[in-house]
């Protein structure tokens, strides 16, 4: 487990491969690269990338989580651990967001371009984009103030 830690990479990517990554109150910054969270289990996580952010379907987020990028896209394959007010997920992309929610999720998704909703999980929260929102399957979105 990594707790109360800040990881900054000036040139390059941050990659977590496989399983067994548990974070509590961690900040990840990739100033000139991408971030791959794999199957990360996290509470109170902040992720900032100049490029793309992605994760696998086993990734889970609890507490307050913020993900933001400066260019590229965010592919959200994970989920929050709960859908109650204890989960406060914010995903902000300067490009597209692809939501392949592995399980029901509570959060706000904001994109400068498009939002693509794949999968059949329920999203409790909000979707805000400057481009298009595309639902590619049996989407359920329930507005919840975050």
N, C-alpha and C. Protein backbone atom coordinates (compact mmCIF):
# COMPACT_ATOMS: atom_id res chain seq x y z
N UNK A 1 0.85 -1.18 0.00
CA UNK A 1 0.00 0.00 0.00
C UNK A 1 0.88 1.23 0.00
N UNK A 2 0.45 2.23 -0.76
CA UNK A 2 1.11 3.53 -0.76
C UNK A 2 0.14 4.53 -0.15
N UNK A 3 0.58 5.22 0.90
CA UNK A 3 -0.27 6.20 1.59
C UNK A 3 0.44 7.54 1.70
N UNK A 4 -0.35 8.61 1.58
CA UNK A 4 0.14 9.97 1.81
C UNK A 4 1.41 10.25 1.02
N UNK A 5 1.32 10.11 -0.30
CA UNK A 5 2.50 10.17 -1.15
C UNK A 5 2.20 10.97 -2.41
N UNK A 6 3.21 11.64 -2.95
CA UNK A 6 3.10 12.37 -4.21
C UNK A 6 4.15 11.80 -5.16
N UNK A 7 3.72 11.39 -6.36
CA UNK A 7 4.63 10.89 -7.39
C UNK A 7 4.55 11.84 -8.58
N UNK A 8 5.70 12.43 -8.95
CA UNK A 8 5.77 13.36 -10.07
C UNK A 8 6.79 12.84 -11.07
N UNK A 9 6.37 12.72 -12.33
CA UNK A 9 7.28 12.33 -13.41
C UNK A 9 7.34 13.50 -14.39
N UNK A 10 8.53 14.06 -14.57
CA UNK A 10 8.69 15.24 -15.44
C UNK A 10 8.60 14.88 -16.91
N UNK A 11 9.24 13.79 -17.34
CA UNK A 11 9.25 13.36 -18.74
C UNK A 11 8.94 11.87 -18.78
N UNK A 12 7.77 11.49 -19.24
CA UNK A 12 7.45 10.07 -19.35
C UNK A 12 6.12 9.72 -18.74
N UNK A 13 5.82 8.44 -18.78
CA UNK A 13 4.53 7.91 -18.35
C UNK A 13 4.61 7.34 -16.94
N UNK A 14 3.44 7.21 -16.31
CA UNK A 14 3.30 6.48 -15.05
C UNK A 14 2.44 5.27 -15.36
N UNK A 15 2.97 4.06 -15.16
CA UNK A 15 2.25 2.83 -15.45
C UNK A 15 2.21 1.92 -14.23
N UNK A 16 1.02 1.47 -13.89
CA UNK A 16 0.85 0.44 -12.87
C UNK A 16 0.29 -0.77 -13.60
N UNK A 17 1.05 -1.84 -13.66
CA UNK A 17 0.63 -3.04 -14.38
C UNK A 17 0.17 -4.10 -13.41
N UNK A 18 -0.82 -4.89 -13.81
CA UNK A 18 -1.29 -6.00 -12.99
C UNK A 18 -2.19 -5.55 -11.85
N UNK A 19 -2.19 -6.36 -10.78
CA UNK A 19 -3.07 -6.15 -9.64
C UNK A 19 -2.25 -5.84 -8.39
N UNK A 20 -2.94 -5.56 -7.29
CA UNK A 20 -2.29 -5.39 -6.00
C UNK A 20 -1.83 -3.98 -5.69
N UNK A 21 -2.28 -3.00 -6.44
CA UNK A 21 -1.90 -1.61 -6.19
C UNK A 21 -2.99 -0.96 -5.33
N UNK A 22 -2.67 -0.63 -4.09
CA UNK A 22 -3.61 -0.01 -3.16
C UNK A 22 -3.06 1.34 -2.73
N UNK A 23 -3.84 2.41 -2.99
CA UNK A 23 -3.40 3.77 -2.70
C UNK A 23 -4.37 4.44 -1.74
N UNK A 24 -3.83 5.22 -0.82
CA UNK A 24 -4.63 6.02 0.09
C UNK A 24 -4.02 7.42 0.16
N UNK A 25 -4.79 8.43 -0.27
CA UNK A 25 -4.34 9.82 -0.23
C UNK A 25 -3.05 10.01 -1.02
N UNK A 26 -3.12 9.69 -2.32
CA UNK A 26 -1.96 9.75 -3.21
C UNK A 26 -2.25 10.72 -4.35
N UNK A 27 -1.20 11.43 -4.80
CA UNK A 27 -1.27 12.32 -5.95
C UNK A 27 -0.29 11.81 -7.00
N UNK A 28 -0.77 11.65 -8.25
CA UNK A 28 0.07 11.24 -9.37
C UNK A 28 0.10 12.37 -10.39
N UNK A 29 1.31 12.77 -10.82
CA UNK A 29 1.46 13.84 -11.80
C UNK A 29 2.42 13.38 -12.88
N UNK A 30 1.96 13.40 -14.13
CA UNK A 30 2.82 13.13 -15.27
C UNK A 30 2.85 14.40 -16.11
N UNK A 31 3.94 15.16 -15.98
CA UNK A 31 4.02 16.47 -16.64
C UNK A 31 4.13 16.39 -18.15
N UNK A 32 4.62 15.28 -18.67
CA UNK A 32 4.77 15.16 -20.12
C UNK A 32 4.56 13.70 -20.53
N UNK A 33 3.39 13.15 -20.17
CA UNK A 33 3.13 11.75 -20.50
C UNK A 33 1.74 11.32 -20.11
N UNK A 34 1.53 10.01 -20.14
CA UNK A 34 0.24 9.39 -19.86
C UNK A 34 0.28 8.69 -18.51
N UNK A 35 -0.92 8.33 -18.01
CA UNK A 35 -1.01 7.57 -16.77
C UNK A 35 -1.93 6.38 -16.99
N UNK A 36 -1.43 5.18 -16.66
CA UNK A 36 -2.20 3.94 -16.73
C UNK A 36 -2.37 3.43 -15.30
N UNK A 37 -3.61 3.39 -14.82
CA UNK A 37 -3.89 2.99 -13.44
C UNK A 37 -4.13 1.50 -13.27
N UNK A 38 -4.21 0.75 -14.35
CA UNK A 38 -4.43 -0.70 -14.31
C UNK A 38 -5.64 -1.03 -13.45
N UNK A 39 -5.49 -1.92 -12.47
CA UNK A 39 -6.58 -2.33 -11.58
C UNK A 39 -6.43 -1.71 -10.19
N UNK A 40 -6.01 -0.48 -10.14
CA UNK A 40 -5.74 0.25 -8.91
C UNK A 40 -6.95 0.26 -7.98
N UNK A 41 -6.70 0.10 -6.69
CA UNK A 41 -7.71 0.26 -5.64
C UNK A 41 -7.30 1.52 -4.88
N UNK A 42 -8.13 2.57 -4.88
CA UNK A 42 -7.69 3.85 -4.33
C UNK A 42 -8.76 4.53 -3.50
N UNK A 43 -8.29 5.27 -2.50
CA UNK A 43 -9.13 6.17 -1.71
C UNK A 43 -8.45 7.54 -1.72
N UNK A 44 -9.23 8.58 -2.03
CA UNK A 44 -8.73 9.95 -2.04
C UNK A 44 -7.50 10.09 -2.94
N UNK A 45 -7.73 9.90 -4.23
CA UNK A 45 -6.67 9.91 -5.24
C UNK A 45 -6.81 11.13 -6.14
N UNK A 46 -5.67 11.73 -6.51
CA UNK A 46 -5.64 12.80 -7.51
C UNK A 46 -4.69 12.37 -8.62
N UNK A 47 -5.15 12.48 -9.88
CA UNK A 47 -4.37 12.05 -11.04
C UNK A 47 -4.36 13.19 -12.05
N UNK A 48 -3.14 13.66 -12.39
CA UNK A 48 -2.99 14.76 -13.35
C UNK A 48 -2.00 14.33 -14.42
N UNK A 49 -2.43 14.33 -15.68
CA UNK A 49 -1.57 13.92 -16.78
C UNK A 49 -1.61 14.96 -17.89
N UNK A 50 -0.47 15.14 -18.55
CA UNK A 50 -0.47 16.01 -19.73
C UNK A 50 -1.10 15.28 -20.91
N UNK A 51 -1.07 13.93 -20.88
CA UNK A 51 -1.63 13.12 -21.95
C UNK A 51 -2.84 12.32 -21.49
N UNK A 52 -2.93 11.09 -21.95
CA UNK A 52 -4.09 10.23 -21.69
C UNK A 52 -4.05 9.63 -20.28
N UNK A 53 -5.25 9.31 -19.78
CA UNK A 53 -5.41 8.57 -18.53
C UNK A 53 -6.30 7.38 -18.85
N UNK A 54 -5.87 6.19 -18.42
CA UNK A 54 -6.73 5.01 -18.59
C UNK A 54 -6.55 4.05 -17.45
N UNK A 55 -7.45 3.07 -17.39
CA UNK A 55 -7.44 2.07 -16.33
C UNK A 55 -8.15 0.82 -16.82
N UNK A 56 -7.99 -0.27 -16.07
CA UNK A 56 -8.68 -1.52 -16.38
C UNK A 56 -10.01 -1.59 -15.64
N UNK A 57 -10.81 -2.60 -15.98
CA UNK A 57 -12.13 -2.75 -15.39
C UNK A 57 -12.13 -3.04 -13.91
N UNK A 58 -11.01 -3.49 -13.35
CA UNK A 58 -10.93 -3.79 -11.92
C UNK A 58 -10.60 -2.58 -11.06
N UNK A 59 -10.35 -1.43 -11.66
CA UNK A 59 -10.01 -0.22 -10.89
C UNK A 59 -11.22 0.25 -10.09
N UNK A 60 -10.97 0.58 -8.80
CA UNK A 60 -12.04 1.06 -7.92
C UNK A 60 -11.57 2.29 -7.16
N UNK A 61 -12.51 3.23 -6.97
CA UNK A 61 -12.18 4.51 -6.37
C UNK A 61 -13.16 4.82 -5.24
N UNK A 62 -12.61 5.18 -4.07
CA UNK A 62 -13.41 5.52 -2.90
C UNK A 62 -13.05 6.93 -2.44
N UNK A 63 -13.95 7.54 -1.70
CA UNK A 63 -13.68 8.88 -1.19
C UNK A 63 -13.67 9.89 -2.32
N UNK A 64 -12.81 10.89 -2.20
CA UNK A 64 -12.70 11.96 -3.20
C UNK A 64 -11.60 11.63 -4.20
N UNK A 65 -11.98 11.51 -5.46
CA UNK A 65 -11.02 11.21 -6.53
C UNK A 65 -11.18 12.25 -7.63
N UNK A 66 -10.04 12.79 -8.07
CA UNK A 66 -10.01 13.76 -9.16
C UNK A 66 -9.05 13.26 -10.22
N UNK A 67 -9.51 13.20 -11.47
CA UNK A 67 -8.67 12.85 -12.61
C UNK A 67 -8.81 13.96 -13.64
N UNK A 68 -7.67 14.47 -14.13
CA UNK A 68 -7.72 15.54 -15.13
C UNK A 68 -6.52 15.42 -16.06
N UNK A 69 -6.75 15.79 -17.33
CA UNK A 69 -5.64 15.78 -18.28
C UNK A 69 -5.64 17.05 -19.11
N UNK A 70 -4.48 17.32 -19.71
CA UNK A 70 -4.28 18.54 -20.49
C UNK A 70 -4.48 18.29 -21.98
N UNK A 71 -4.21 17.08 -22.44
CA UNK A 71 -4.41 16.72 -23.84
C UNK A 71 -4.68 15.23 -23.90
N UNK A 72 -5.16 14.75 -25.02
CA UNK A 72 -5.49 13.34 -25.10
C UNK A 72 -6.85 13.06 -24.49
N UNK A 73 -7.11 11.79 -24.27
CA UNK A 73 -8.43 11.35 -23.81
C UNK A 73 -8.32 10.62 -22.49
N UNK A 74 -9.47 10.43 -21.85
CA UNK A 74 -9.55 9.61 -20.63
C UNK A 74 -10.47 8.44 -20.93
N UNK A 75 -9.99 7.23 -20.68
CA UNK A 75 -10.81 6.03 -20.80
C UNK A 75 -11.06 5.51 -19.39
N UNK A 76 -12.32 5.62 -18.95
CA UNK A 76 -12.70 5.23 -17.59
C UNK A 76 -13.35 3.86 -17.65
N UNK A 77 -12.60 2.83 -17.26
CA UNK A 77 -13.11 1.46 -17.25
C UNK A 77 -13.47 0.99 -15.85
N UNK A 78 -13.18 1.76 -14.84
CA UNK A 78 -13.37 1.35 -13.45
C UNK A 78 -14.73 1.70 -12.92
N UNK A 79 -14.79 1.93 -11.58
CA UNK A 79 -16.04 2.28 -10.91
C UNK A 79 -15.71 2.84 -9.53
N UNK A 80 -16.68 3.51 -8.92
CA UNK A 80 -16.53 3.90 -7.53
C UNK A 80 -16.94 2.72 -6.67
N UNK A 81 -16.45 2.69 -5.43
CA UNK A 81 -16.76 1.56 -4.55
C UNK A 81 -18.19 1.61 -4.05
N UNK A 82 -18.77 2.81 -3.97
CA UNK A 82 -20.17 2.97 -3.57
C UNK A 82 -20.83 3.99 -4.50
N UNK A 83 -22.15 4.08 -4.43
CA UNK A 83 -22.86 5.10 -5.19
C UNK A 83 -23.54 6.09 -4.25
N UNK A 84 -23.11 6.13 -3.00
CA UNK A 84 -23.69 7.09 -2.05
C UNK A 84 -22.82 8.34 -1.99
N UNK A 85 -23.18 9.26 -1.11
CA UNK A 85 -22.48 10.55 -1.03
C UNK A 85 -21.02 10.41 -0.60
N UNK A 86 -20.61 9.25 -0.11
CA UNK A 86 -19.21 9.04 0.29
C UNK A 86 -18.28 9.00 -0.92
N UNK A 87 -18.83 8.74 -2.10
CA UNK A 87 -18.02 8.70 -3.33
C UNK A 87 -18.13 10.04 -4.05
N UNK A 88 -17.00 10.67 -4.27
CA UNK A 88 -16.96 11.96 -4.95
C UNK A 88 -15.90 11.89 -6.04
N UNK A 89 -16.29 11.38 -7.21
CA UNK A 89 -15.40 11.21 -8.35
C UNK A 89 -15.61 12.35 -9.33
N UNK A 90 -14.51 12.98 -9.78
CA UNK A 90 -14.57 13.99 -10.82
C UNK A 90 -13.55 13.62 -11.89
N UNK A 91 -14.03 13.52 -13.14
CA UNK A 91 -13.16 13.19 -14.27
C UNK A 91 -13.28 14.34 -15.26
N UNK A 92 -12.14 14.99 -15.56
CA UNK A 92 -12.13 16.17 -16.42
C UNK A 92 -11.11 15.95 -17.52
N UNK A 93 -11.56 16.02 -18.78
CA UNK A 93 -10.67 15.77 -19.91
C UNK A 93 -10.70 16.94 -20.89
N UNK A 94 -9.52 17.30 -21.39
CA UNK A 94 -9.47 18.30 -22.44
C UNK A 94 -9.82 17.70 -23.79
N UNK A 95 -9.90 16.36 -23.84
CA UNK A 95 -10.30 15.66 -25.06
C UNK A 95 -11.61 14.94 -24.85
N UNK A 96 -11.66 13.67 -25.24
CA UNK A 96 -12.85 12.83 -25.08
C UNK A 96 -12.77 12.05 -23.78
N UNK A 97 -13.94 11.64 -23.29
CA UNK A 97 -14.03 10.66 -22.22
C UNK A 97 -14.81 9.47 -22.76
N UNK A 98 -14.22 8.29 -22.62
CA UNK A 98 -14.93 7.05 -22.93
C UNK A 98 -15.22 6.37 -21.61
N UNK A 99 -16.51 6.17 -21.32
CA UNK A 99 -16.95 5.57 -20.06
C UNK A 99 -17.38 4.14 -20.34
N UNK A 100 -16.58 3.19 -19.87
CA UNK A 100 -16.90 1.77 -19.96
C UNK A 100 -17.10 1.25 -18.55
N UNK A 101 -17.94 1.89 -17.78
CA UNK A 101 -18.09 1.61 -16.36
C UNK A 101 -18.25 0.13 -16.06
N UNK A 102 -17.34 -0.39 -15.23
CA UNK A 102 -17.35 -1.81 -14.88
C UNK A 102 -18.48 -2.15 -13.93
N UNK A 103 -18.93 -1.16 -13.16
CA UNK A 103 -20.01 -1.34 -12.19
C UNK A 103 -20.64 0.04 -11.98
N UNK A 104 -21.73 0.07 -11.23
CA UNK A 104 -22.39 1.35 -10.97
C UNK A 104 -21.39 2.33 -10.37
N UNK A 105 -21.50 3.60 -10.79
CA UNK A 105 -20.51 4.61 -10.44
C UNK A 105 -21.21 5.92 -10.11
N UNK A 106 -20.63 6.66 -9.15
CA UNK A 106 -21.14 7.99 -8.81
C UNK A 106 -20.05 9.00 -9.13
N UNK A 107 -20.36 9.99 -9.96
CA UNK A 107 -19.36 11.00 -10.27
C UNK A 107 -19.80 11.99 -11.32
N UNK A 108 -18.93 12.95 -11.56
CA UNK A 108 -19.14 13.98 -12.57
C UNK A 108 -18.08 13.80 -13.65
N UNK A 109 -18.51 13.81 -14.91
CA UNK A 109 -17.61 13.65 -16.05
C UNK A 109 -17.74 14.88 -16.93
N UNK A 110 -16.61 15.58 -17.14
CA UNK A 110 -16.60 16.80 -17.95
C UNK A 110 -15.54 16.66 -19.03
N UNK A 111 -15.94 16.98 -20.28
CA UNK A 111 -15.01 16.85 -21.41
C UNK A 111 -15.11 18.07 -22.31
N UNK A 112 -13.96 18.49 -22.81
CA UNK A 112 -13.93 19.58 -23.79
C UNK A 112 -14.47 19.12 -25.14
N UNK A 113 -14.43 17.82 -25.39
CA UNK A 113 -14.93 17.30 -26.66
C UNK A 113 -16.13 16.40 -26.41
N UNK A 114 -15.97 15.08 -26.53
CA UNK A 114 -17.11 14.17 -26.54
C UNK A 114 -17.09 13.21 -25.36
N UNK A 115 -18.27 12.65 -25.06
CA UNK A 115 -18.42 11.62 -24.03
C UNK A 115 -19.09 10.42 -24.68
N UNK A 116 -18.45 9.26 -24.61
CA UNK A 116 -18.99 8.01 -25.16
C UNK A 116 -19.31 7.07 -24.02
N UNK A 117 -20.57 6.66 -23.91
CA UNK A 117 -21.04 5.80 -22.82
C UNK A 117 -21.21 4.39 -23.37
N UNK A 118 -20.36 3.47 -22.90
CA UNK A 118 -20.44 2.06 -23.28
C UNK A 118 -20.74 1.24 -22.03
N UNK A 119 -21.31 0.09 -22.19
CA UNK A 119 -21.59 -0.76 -21.04
C UNK A 119 -22.98 -0.54 -20.50
N UNK A 120 -23.34 -1.34 -19.50
CA UNK A 120 -24.69 -1.32 -18.96
C UNK A 120 -24.77 -0.89 -17.50
N UNK A 121 -23.71 -0.33 -16.95
CA UNK A 121 -23.76 0.10 -15.56
C UNK A 121 -24.51 1.43 -15.44
N UNK A 122 -24.90 1.76 -14.22
CA UNK A 122 -25.62 3.00 -13.96
C UNK A 122 -24.64 4.07 -13.50
N UNK A 123 -24.79 5.26 -14.05
CA UNK A 123 -23.98 6.41 -13.64
C UNK A 123 -24.87 7.35 -12.83
N UNK A 124 -24.49 7.57 -11.57
CA UNK A 124 -25.17 8.52 -10.69
C UNK A 124 -24.32 9.79 -10.67
N UNK A 125 -24.82 10.88 -11.24
CA UNK A 125 -24.02 12.09 -11.27
C UNK A 125 -24.37 12.96 -12.44
N UNK A 126 -23.33 13.41 -13.16
CA UNK A 126 -23.55 14.35 -14.26
C UNK A 126 -22.53 14.12 -15.37
N UNK A 127 -22.97 14.45 -16.60
CA UNK A 127 -22.12 14.44 -17.78
C UNK A 127 -22.21 15.84 -18.39
N UNK A 128 -21.05 16.49 -18.55
CA UNK A 128 -21.02 17.84 -19.13
C UNK A 128 -19.94 17.86 -20.21
N UNK A 129 -20.33 18.20 -21.45
CA UNK A 129 -19.38 18.21 -22.56
C UNK A 129 -19.63 19.42 -23.45
N UNK A 130 -18.62 19.76 -24.25
CA UNK A 130 -18.79 20.80 -25.26
C UNK A 130 -19.09 20.17 -26.62
N UNK A 131 -18.90 18.86 -26.75
CA UNK A 131 -19.15 18.16 -28.00
C UNK A 131 -20.40 17.31 -27.90
N UNK A 132 -20.28 16.06 -28.31
CA UNK A 132 -21.41 15.13 -28.36
C UNK A 132 -21.38 14.14 -27.21
N UNK A 133 -22.57 13.68 -26.82
CA UNK A 133 -22.71 12.56 -25.90
C UNK A 133 -23.32 11.42 -26.70
N UNK A 134 -22.64 10.26 -26.69
CA UNK A 134 -23.11 9.09 -27.44
C UNK A 134 -23.33 7.93 -26.48
N UNK A 135 -24.54 7.38 -26.49
CA UNK A 135 -24.86 6.20 -25.69
C UNK A 135 -24.85 4.99 -26.61
N UNK A 136 -23.94 4.05 -26.36
CA UNK A 136 -23.77 2.89 -27.23
C UNK A 136 -24.38 1.61 -26.67
N UNK A 137 -25.08 1.70 -25.58
CA UNK A 137 -25.70 0.50 -25.00
C UNK A 137 -26.80 0.92 -24.05
N UNK A 138 -27.23 0.00 -23.21
CA UNK A 138 -28.33 0.26 -22.29
C UNK A 138 -27.91 1.16 -21.15
N UNK A 139 -27.70 2.43 -21.42
CA UNK A 139 -27.21 3.38 -20.43
C UNK A 139 -28.31 3.80 -19.47
N UNK A 140 -27.93 3.95 -18.20
CA UNK A 140 -28.80 4.55 -17.20
C UNK A 140 -28.01 5.64 -16.51
N UNK A 141 -28.50 6.87 -16.57
CA UNK A 141 -27.86 8.01 -15.92
C UNK A 141 -28.89 8.64 -15.00
N UNK A 142 -28.52 8.79 -13.73
CA UNK A 142 -29.41 9.38 -12.74
C UNK A 142 -28.73 10.63 -12.19
N UNK A 143 -29.38 11.78 -12.34
CA UNK A 143 -28.79 13.04 -11.89
C UNK A 143 -28.70 13.06 -10.37
N UNK A 144 -27.50 13.34 -9.89
CA UNK A 144 -27.25 13.44 -8.46
C UNK A 144 -26.32 14.62 -8.25
N UNK A 145 -26.63 15.48 -7.31
CA UNK A 145 -25.72 16.59 -6.99
C UNK A 145 -24.47 16.06 -6.32
N UNK A 146 -23.34 16.38 -6.88
CA UNK A 146 -22.06 15.89 -6.35
C UNK A 146 -21.41 17.01 -5.56
